[in-house]
Amino acid sequence: MRLLKTRAFISRDISFELRSVNMFENTTQLTYQKHLELLRYGFKAKLPKLLIFHGMGAIVFLLGLYTNQFFSIILGATFAIIFAPLVYLLERIRSKKNHAKSPIYLKTPHLHFVFDIDRIRIRMLEREEGETMLRYDELFKVGEDRHNLYLYLSPMQAYILSKKTFTLGSANDFKQFISEKSIPHKQLKI
């Protein structure tokens, strides 16, 4: 009986040790270039919606030509030619203004990510104190492009991890690890 209690105690210690093992580490510097890459990734994810926007404009334009209605022709041309690129340009200008005002990006901080078995620890290297901890089930989705991985906490908030800056593990192994955590993993081909 005493032997069984000892094994249970040992197994609890081992599971505690396993939880604190660092599986992957990454240090990424937040720069304006990384911010633009995130915007481009978001734009590619929204591309089907913009194509629908263009398609609606084209349909209204063609219906206007078919029915010979001047208003439909102008409305369709406006949707197809002006509004869709305007949405992209306004988003880019807005993000550039927000980026210029953001104190985080002015200092170009380095974020250090440590991926354990059951959680993610994030720390800004420029600060001595403070660490953010996340569980994997708190992630909304994970995306990727040629240079970066994006860990989305919500549709509007994401952490950027550079694929080249993994100090422990590799980007390919990390993608496999994250997919085993049952997070929807979306890969956009460029």
C-alpha atoms as a PDB file:
ATOM      1  CA  MET A   1       0.000   0.000   0.000  1.00  0.00           C
ATOM      2  CA  ARG A   2       2.797   2.377   0.825  1.00  0.00           C
ATOM      3  CA  LEU A   3       4.425   1.675  -2.550  1.00  0.00           C
ATOM      4  CA  LEU A   4       1.279   2.817  -4.412  1.00  0.00           C
ATOM      5  CA  LYS A   5       1.223   6.136  -2.575  1.00  0.00           C
ATOM      6  CA  THR A   6       4.862   6.722  -3.448  1.00  0.00           C
ATOM      7  CA  ARG A   7       4.197   6.059  -7.141  1.00  0.00           C
ATOM      8  CA  ALA A   8       1.277   8.491  -7.153  1.00  0.00           C
ATOM      9  CA  PHE A   9       3.463  11.122  -5.537  1.00  0.00           C
ATOM     10  CA  ILE A  10       6.254  10.508  -8.044  1.00  0.00           C
ATOM     11  CA  SER A  11       3.866  10.610 -10.997  1.00  0.00           C
ATOM     12  CA  ARG A  12       2.481  13.963  -9.795  1.00  0.00           C
ATOM     13  CA  ASP A  13       6.035  15.323  -9.620  1.00  0.00           C
ATOM     14  CA  ILE A  14       6.820  14.028 -13.100  1.00  0.00           C
ATOM     15  CA  SER A  15       3.670  15.568 -14.568  1.00  0.00           C
ATOM     16  CA  PHE A  16       4.560  18.865 -12.909  1.00  0.00           C
ATOM     17  CA  GLU A  17       8.055  18.627 -14.386  1.00  0.00           C
ATOM     18  CA  LEU A  18       6.633  17.832 -17.826  1.00  0.00           C
ATOM     19  CA  ARG A  19       4.351  20.859 -17.710  1.00  0.00           C
ATOM     20  CA  SER A  20       7.259  23.212 -17.142  1.00  0.00           C
ATOM     21  CA  VAL A  21       9.388  21.869 -20.015  1.00  0.00           C
ATOM     22  CA  ASN A  22       9.958  24.460 -22.724  1.00  0.00           C
ATOM     23  CA  MET A  23       8.927  22.951 -26.037  1.00  0.00           C
ATOM     24  CA  PHE A  24       9.626  25.978 -28.254  1.00  0.00           C
ATOM     25  CA  GLU A  25      11.089  29.451 -27.810  1.00  0.00           C
ATOM     26  CA  ASN A  26      10.952  32.445 -30.116  1.00  0.00           C
ATOM     27  CA  THR A  27      12.095  36.056 -29.840  1.00  0.00           C
ATOM     28  CA  THR A  28      10.557  38.447 -32.350  1.00  0.00           C
ATOM     29  CA  GLN A  29      11.187  42.173 -32.689  1.00  0.00           C
ATOM     30  CA  LEU A  30       8.056  44.187 -33.433  1.00  0.00           C
ATOM     31  CA  THR A  31       8.834  46.504 -36.329  1.00  0.00           C
ATOM     32  CA  TYR A  32       6.744  48.447 -38.791  1.00  0.00           C
ATOM     33  CA  GLN A  33       7.664  45.858 -41.426  1.00  0.00           C
ATOM     34  CA  LYS A  34       6.160  43.083 -39.267  1.00  0.00           C
ATOM     35  CA  HIS A  35       3.050  45.217 -38.822  1.00  0.00           C
ATOM     36  CA  LEU A  36       2.704  45.585 -42.605  1.00  0.00           C
ATOM     37  CA  GLU A  37       3.176  41.834 -43.064  1.00  0.00           C
ATOM     38  CA  LEU A  38       0.307  41.257 -40.626  1.00  0.00           C
ATOM     39  CA  LEU A  39      -1.837  43.690 -42.624  1.00  0.00           C
ATOM     40  CA  ARG A  40      -0.975  41.892 -45.865  1.00  0.00           C
ATOM     41  CA  TYR A  41      -1.860  38.562 -44.264  1.00  0.00           C
ATOM     42  CA  GLY A  42      -5.172  40.006 -43.098  1.00  0.00           C
ATOM     43  CA  PHE A  43      -5.825  41.420 -46.562  1.00  0.00           C
ATOM     44  CA  LYS A  44      -5.248  38.018 -48.154  1.00  0.00           C
ATOM     45  CA  ALA A  45      -7.636  36.466 -45.646  1.00  0.00           C
ATOM     46  CA  LYS A  46     -10.244  39.103 -46.609  1.00  0.00           C
ATOM     47  CA  LEU A  47      -9.618  38.703 -50.338  1.00  0.00           C
ATOM     48  CA  PRO A  48     -12.713  36.506 -50.937  1.00  0.00           C
ATOM     49  CA  LYS A  49     -14.906  39.243 -49.417  1.00  0.00           C
ATOM     50  CA  LEU A  50     -13.330  41.869 -51.665  1.00  0.00           C
ATOM     51  CA  LEU A  51     -13.859  39.619 -54.684  1.00  0.00           C
ATOM     52  CA  ILE A  52     -17.531  39.355 -53.755  1.00  0.00           C
ATOM     53  CA  PHE A  53     -17.587  43.152 -53.517  1.00  0.00           C
ATOM     54  CA  HIS A  54     -16.086  43.413 -57.024  1.00  0.00           C
ATOM     55  CA  GLY A  55     -18.484  40.749 -58.297  1.00  0.00           C
ATOM     56  CA  MET A  56     -21.508  42.618 -56.964  1.00  0.00           C
ATOM     57  CA  GLY A  57     -20.317  45.761 -58.700  1.00  0.00           C
ATOM     58  CA  ALA A  58     -19.769  43.900 -61.953  1.00  0.00           C
ATOM     59  CA  ILE A  59     -23.250  42.331 -61.806  1.00  0.00           C
ATOM     60  CA  VAL A  60     -24.929  45.690 -61.133  1.00  0.00           C
ATOM     61  CA  PHE A  61     -22.860  47.239 -63.945  1.00  0.00           C
ATOM     62  CA  LEU A  62     -23.841  44.504 -66.416  1.00  0.00           C
ATOM     63  CA  LEU A  63     -27.505  44.713 -65.400  1.00  0.00           C
ATOM     64  CA  GLY A  64     -27.333  48.460 -65.981  1.00  0.00           C
ATOM     65  CA  LEU A  65     -25.908  47.890 -69.451  1.00  0.00           C
ATOM     66  CA  TYR A  66     -28.562  45.260 -70.202  1.00  0.00           C
ATOM     67  CA  THR A  67     -31.471  47.385 -69.018  1.00  0.00           C
ATOM     68  CA  ASN A  68     -29.860  50.600 -70.306  1.00  0.00           C
ATOM     69  CA  GLN A  69     -30.155  52.344 -66.929  1.00  0.00           C
ATOM     70  CA  PHE A  70     -27.531  54.996 -66.356  1.00  0.00           C
ATOM     71  CA  PHE A  71     -27.827  54.872 -62.532  1.00  0.00           C
ATOM     72  CA  SER A  72     -27.064  51.118 -62.416  1.00  0.00           C
ATOM     73  CA  ILE A  73     -24.062  51.559 -64.697  1.00  0.00           C
ATOM     74  CA  ILE A  74     -22.612  54.301 -62.464  1.00  0.00           C
ATOM     75  CA  LEU A  75     -23.409  52.374 -59.255  1.00  0.00           C
ATOM     76  CA  GLY A  76     -21.831  49.171 -60.577  1.00  0.00           C
ATOM     77  CA  ALA A  77     -18.710  50.955 -61.781  1.00  0.00           C
ATOM     78  CA  THR A  78     -18.420  52.694 -58.420  1.00  0.00           C
ATOM     79  CA  PHE A  79     -18.600  49.378 -56.533  1.00  0.00           C
ATOM     80  CA  ALA A  80     -16.227  47.530 -58.826  1.00  0.00           C
ATOM     81  CA  ILE A  81     -13.623  50.187 -59.516  1.00  0.00           C
ATOM     82  CA  ILE A  82     -13.631  52.688 -56.671  1.00  0.00           C
ATOM     83  CA  PHE A  83     -14.969  51.253 -53.398  1.00  0.00           C
ATOM     84  CA  ALA A  84     -12.998  48.002 -53.153  1.00  0.00           C
ATOM     85  CA  PRO A  85      -9.516  49.580 -53.567  1.00  0.00           C
ATOM     86  CA  LEU A  86     -10.647  52.512 -51.415  1.00  0.00           C
ATOM     87  CA  VAL A  87     -11.442  50.152 -48.525  1.00  0.00           C
ATOM     88  CA  TYR A  88      -7.923  48.709 -48.705  1.00  0.00           C
ATOM     89  CA  LEU A  89      -6.246  52.137 -48.949  1.00  0.00           C
ATOM     90  CA  LEU A  90      -8.230  53.591 -46.048  1.00  0.00           C
ATOM     91  CA  GLU A  91      -7.366  50.582 -43.880  1.00  0.00           C
ATOM     92  CA  ARG A  92      -3.693  50.972 -44.692  1.00  0.00           C
ATOM     93  CA  ILE A  93      -3.711  54.718 -43.936  1.00  0.00           C
ATOM     94  CA  ARG A  94      -5.576  54.137 -40.661  1.00  0.00           C
ATOM     95  CA  SER A  95      -3.159  51.440 -39.550  1.00  0.00           C
ATOM     96  CA  LYS A  96      -0.170  53.622 -40.446  1.00  0.00           C
ATOM     97  CA  LYS A  97      -1.533  56.438 -38.258  1.00  0.00           C
ATOM     98  CA  ASN A  98      -2.241  54.029 -35.396  1.00  0.00           C
ATOM     99  CA  HIS A  99       1.223  52.546 -35.742  1.00  0.00           C
ATOM    100  CA  ALA A 100       2.887  55.967 -35.656  1.00  0.00           C
ATOM    101  CA  LYS A 101       1.035  56.858 -32.438  1.00  0.00           C
ATOM    102  CA  SER A 102       1.593  53.530 -30.694  1.00  0.00           C
ATOM    103  CA  PRO A 103       4.233  53.687 -27.937  1.00  0.00           C
ATOM    104  CA  ILE A 104       4.862  49.960 -28.285  1.00  0.00           C
ATOM    105  CA  TYR A 105       6.018  50.225 -31.891  1.00  0.00           C
ATOM    106  CA  LEU A 106       8.063  53.380 -31.270  1.00  0.00           C
ATOM    107  CA  LYS A 107      10.371  51.408 -28.959  1.00  0.00           C
ATOM    108  CA  THR A 108      10.451  48.361 -31.300  1.00  0.00           C
ATOM    109  CA  PRO A 109      10.243  45.870 -28.437  1.00  0.00           C
ATOM    110  CA  HIS A 110      11.406  42.273 -28.521  1.00  0.00           C
ATOM    111  CA  LEU A 111       8.776  39.749 -27.471  1.00  0.00           C
ATOM    112  CA  HIS A 112      10.055  36.473 -26.047  1.00  0.00           C
ATOM    113  CA  PHE A 113       7.652  33.535 -26.421  1.00  0.00           C
ATOM    114  CA  VAL A 114       8.051  30.303 -24.460  1.00  0.00           C
ATOM    115  CA  PHE A 115       5.715  27.475 -25.463  1.00  0.00           C
ATOM    116  CA  ASP A 116       5.236  24.867 -22.748  1.00  0.00           C
ATOM    117  CA  ILE A 117       3.099  21.760 -22.981  1.00  0.00           C
ATOM    118  CA  ASP A 118      -0.004  23.439 -21.561  1.00  0.00           C
ATOM    119  CA  ARG A 119       0.578  27.193 -21.864  1.00  0.00           C
ATOM    120  CA  ILE A 120       2.322  30.063 -23.645  1.00  0.00           C
ATOM    121  CA  ARG A 121       4.435  32.565 -21.719  1.00  0.00           C
ATOM    122  CA  ILE A 122       5.095  35.954 -23.334  1.00  0.00           C
ATOM    123  CA  ARG A 123       7.510  38.529 -21.976  1.00  0.00           C
ATOM    124  CA  MET A 124       8.822  41.824 -23.321  1.00  0.00           C
ATOM    125  CA  LEU A 125      12.639  41.679 -23.095  1.00  0.00           C
ATOM    126  CA  GLU A 126      12.934  45.412 -22.439  1.00  0.00           C
ATOM    127  CA  ARG A 127      10.974  45.050 -19.184  1.00  0.00           C
ATOM    128  CA  GLU A 128      12.282  43.197 -16.180  1.00  0.00           C
ATOM    129  CA  GLU A 129       8.894  42.422 -14.661  1.00  0.00           C
ATOM    130  CA  GLY A 130       5.667  41.116 -16.065  1.00  0.00           C
ATOM    131  CA  GLU A 131       4.856  38.035 -18.057  1.00  0.00           C
ATOM    132  CA  THR A 132       1.657  37.142 -19.878  1.00  0.00           C
ATOM    133  CA  MET A 133       0.448  33.550 -19.726  1.00  0.00           C
ATOM    134  CA  LEU A 134      -2.052  32.051 -22.156  1.00  0.00           C
ATOM    135  CA  ARG A 135      -3.600  28.624 -22.470  1.00  0.00           C
ATOM    136  CA  TYR A 136      -3.697  27.148 -25.961  1.00  0.00           C
ATOM    137  CA  ASP A 137      -7.496  27.052 -25.920  1.00  0.00           C
ATOM    138  CA  GLU A 138      -7.505  30.868 -25.586  1.00  0.00           C
ATOM    139  CA  LEU A 139      -6.129  31.206 -29.129  1.00  0.00           C
ATOM    140  CA  PHE A 140      -8.730  32.132 -31.719  1.00  0.00           C
ATOM    141  CA  LYS A 141      -6.755  30.833 -34.700  1.00  0.00           C
ATOM    142  CA  VAL A 142      -3.227  30.430 -36.030  1.00  0.00           C
ATOM    143  CA  GLY A 143      -2.205  31.705 -39.447  1.00  0.00           C
ATOM    144  CA  GLU A 144       0.966  31.774 -41.453  1.00  0.00           C
ATOM    145  CA  ASP A 145       2.589  33.380 -44.450  1.00  0.00           C
ATOM    146  CA  ARG A 146       6.088  33.017 -45.902  1.00  0.00           C
ATOM    147  CA  HIS A 147       7.929  34.753 -43.061  1.00  0.00           C
ATOM    148  CA  ASN A 148       5.679  34.756 -39.999  1.00  0.00           C
ATOM    149  CA  LEU A 149       3.231  32.830 -37.875  1.00  0.00           C
ATOM    150  CA  TYR A 150       0.254  34.715 -36.430  1.00  0.00           C
ATOM    151  CA  LEU A 151      -1.327  33.720 -33.115  1.00  0.00           C
ATOM    152  CA  TYR A 152      -4.756  35.340 -33.030  1.00  0.00           C
ATOM    153  CA  LEU A 153      -6.353  35.997 -29.632  1.00  0.00           C
ATOM    154  CA  SER A 154      -9.397  37.519 -31.359  1.00  0.00           C
ATOM    155  CA  PRO A 155     -10.222  38.505 -34.933  1.00  0.00           C
ATOM    156  CA  MET A 156      -8.535  41.886 -34.304  1.00  0.00           C
ATOM    157  CA  GLN A 157      -5.571  41.007 -32.040  1.00  0.00           C
ATOM    158  CA  ALA A 158      -2.613  38.824 -32.979  1.00  0.00           C
ATOM    159  CA  TYR A 159       0.915  38.055 -31.858  1.00  0.00           C
ATOM    160  CA  ILE A 160       3.514  37.882 -34.632  1.00  0.00           C
ATOM    161  CA  LEU A 161       6.219  35.192 -34.516  1.00  0.00           C
ATOM    162  CA  SER A 162       9.024  35.299 -37.030  1.00  0.00           C
ATOM    163  CA  LYS A 163       9.759  31.843 -38.455  1.00  0.00           C
ATOM    164  CA  LYS A 164      13.500  32.557 -38.518  1.00  0.00           C
ATOM    165  CA  THR A 165      13.872  33.451 -34.846  1.00  0.00           C
ATOM    166  CA  PHE A 166      12.993  30.185 -33.106  1.00  0.00           C
ATOM    167  CA  THR A 167      15.745  29.658 -30.519  1.00  0.00           C
ATOM    168  CA  LEU A 168      14.368  26.297 -29.375  1.00  0.00           C
ATOM    169  CA  GLY A 169      12.668  24.098 -31.949  1.00  0.00           C
ATOM    170  CA  SER A 170      11.821  25.007 -35.538  1.00  0.00           C
ATOM    171  CA  ALA A 171       8.863  26.640 -37.257  1.00  0.00           C
ATOM    172  CA  ASN A 172       7.827  23.375 -38.940  1.00  0.00           C
ATOM    173  CA  ASP A 173       7.918  21.466 -35.652  1.00  0.00           C
ATOM    174  CA  PHE A 174       5.976  24.288 -34.015  1.00  0.00           C
ATOM    175  CA  LYS A 175       3.236  24.076 -36.679  1.00  0.00           C
ATOM    176  CA  GLN A 176       2.929  20.351 -35.973  1.00  0.00           C
ATOM    177  CA  PHE A 177       2.840  21.012 -32.217  1.00  0.00           C
ATOM    178  CA  ILE A 178       0.165  23.709 -32.542  1.00  0.00           C
ATOM    179  CA  SER A 179      -1.990  21.500 -34.790  1.00  0.00           C
ATOM    180  CA  GLU A 180      -1.903  18.780 -32.120  1.00  0.00           C
ATOM    181  CA  LYS A 181      -3.310  21.326 -29.674  1.00  0.00           C
ATOM    182  CA  SER A 182      -6.472  21.291 -31.858  1.00  0.00           C
ATOM    183  CA  ILE A 183      -6.258  24.921 -32.908  1.00  0.00           C
ATOM    184  CA  PRO A 184      -7.551  25.636 -36.410  1.00  0.00           C
ATOM    185  CA  HIS A 185      -4.396  26.149 -38.457  1.00  0.00           C
ATOM    186  CA  LYS A 186      -4.780  28.063 -41.689  1.00  0.00           C
ATOM    187  CA  GLN A 187      -1.948  28.278 -44.175  1.00  0.00           C
ATOM    188  CA  LEU A 188      -2.077  30.849 -46.934  1.00  0.00           C
ATOM    189  CA  LYS A 189       0.056  30.067 -49.959  1.00  0.00           C
ATOM    190  CA  ILE A 190       1.846  33.029 -51.462  1.00  0.00           C
END
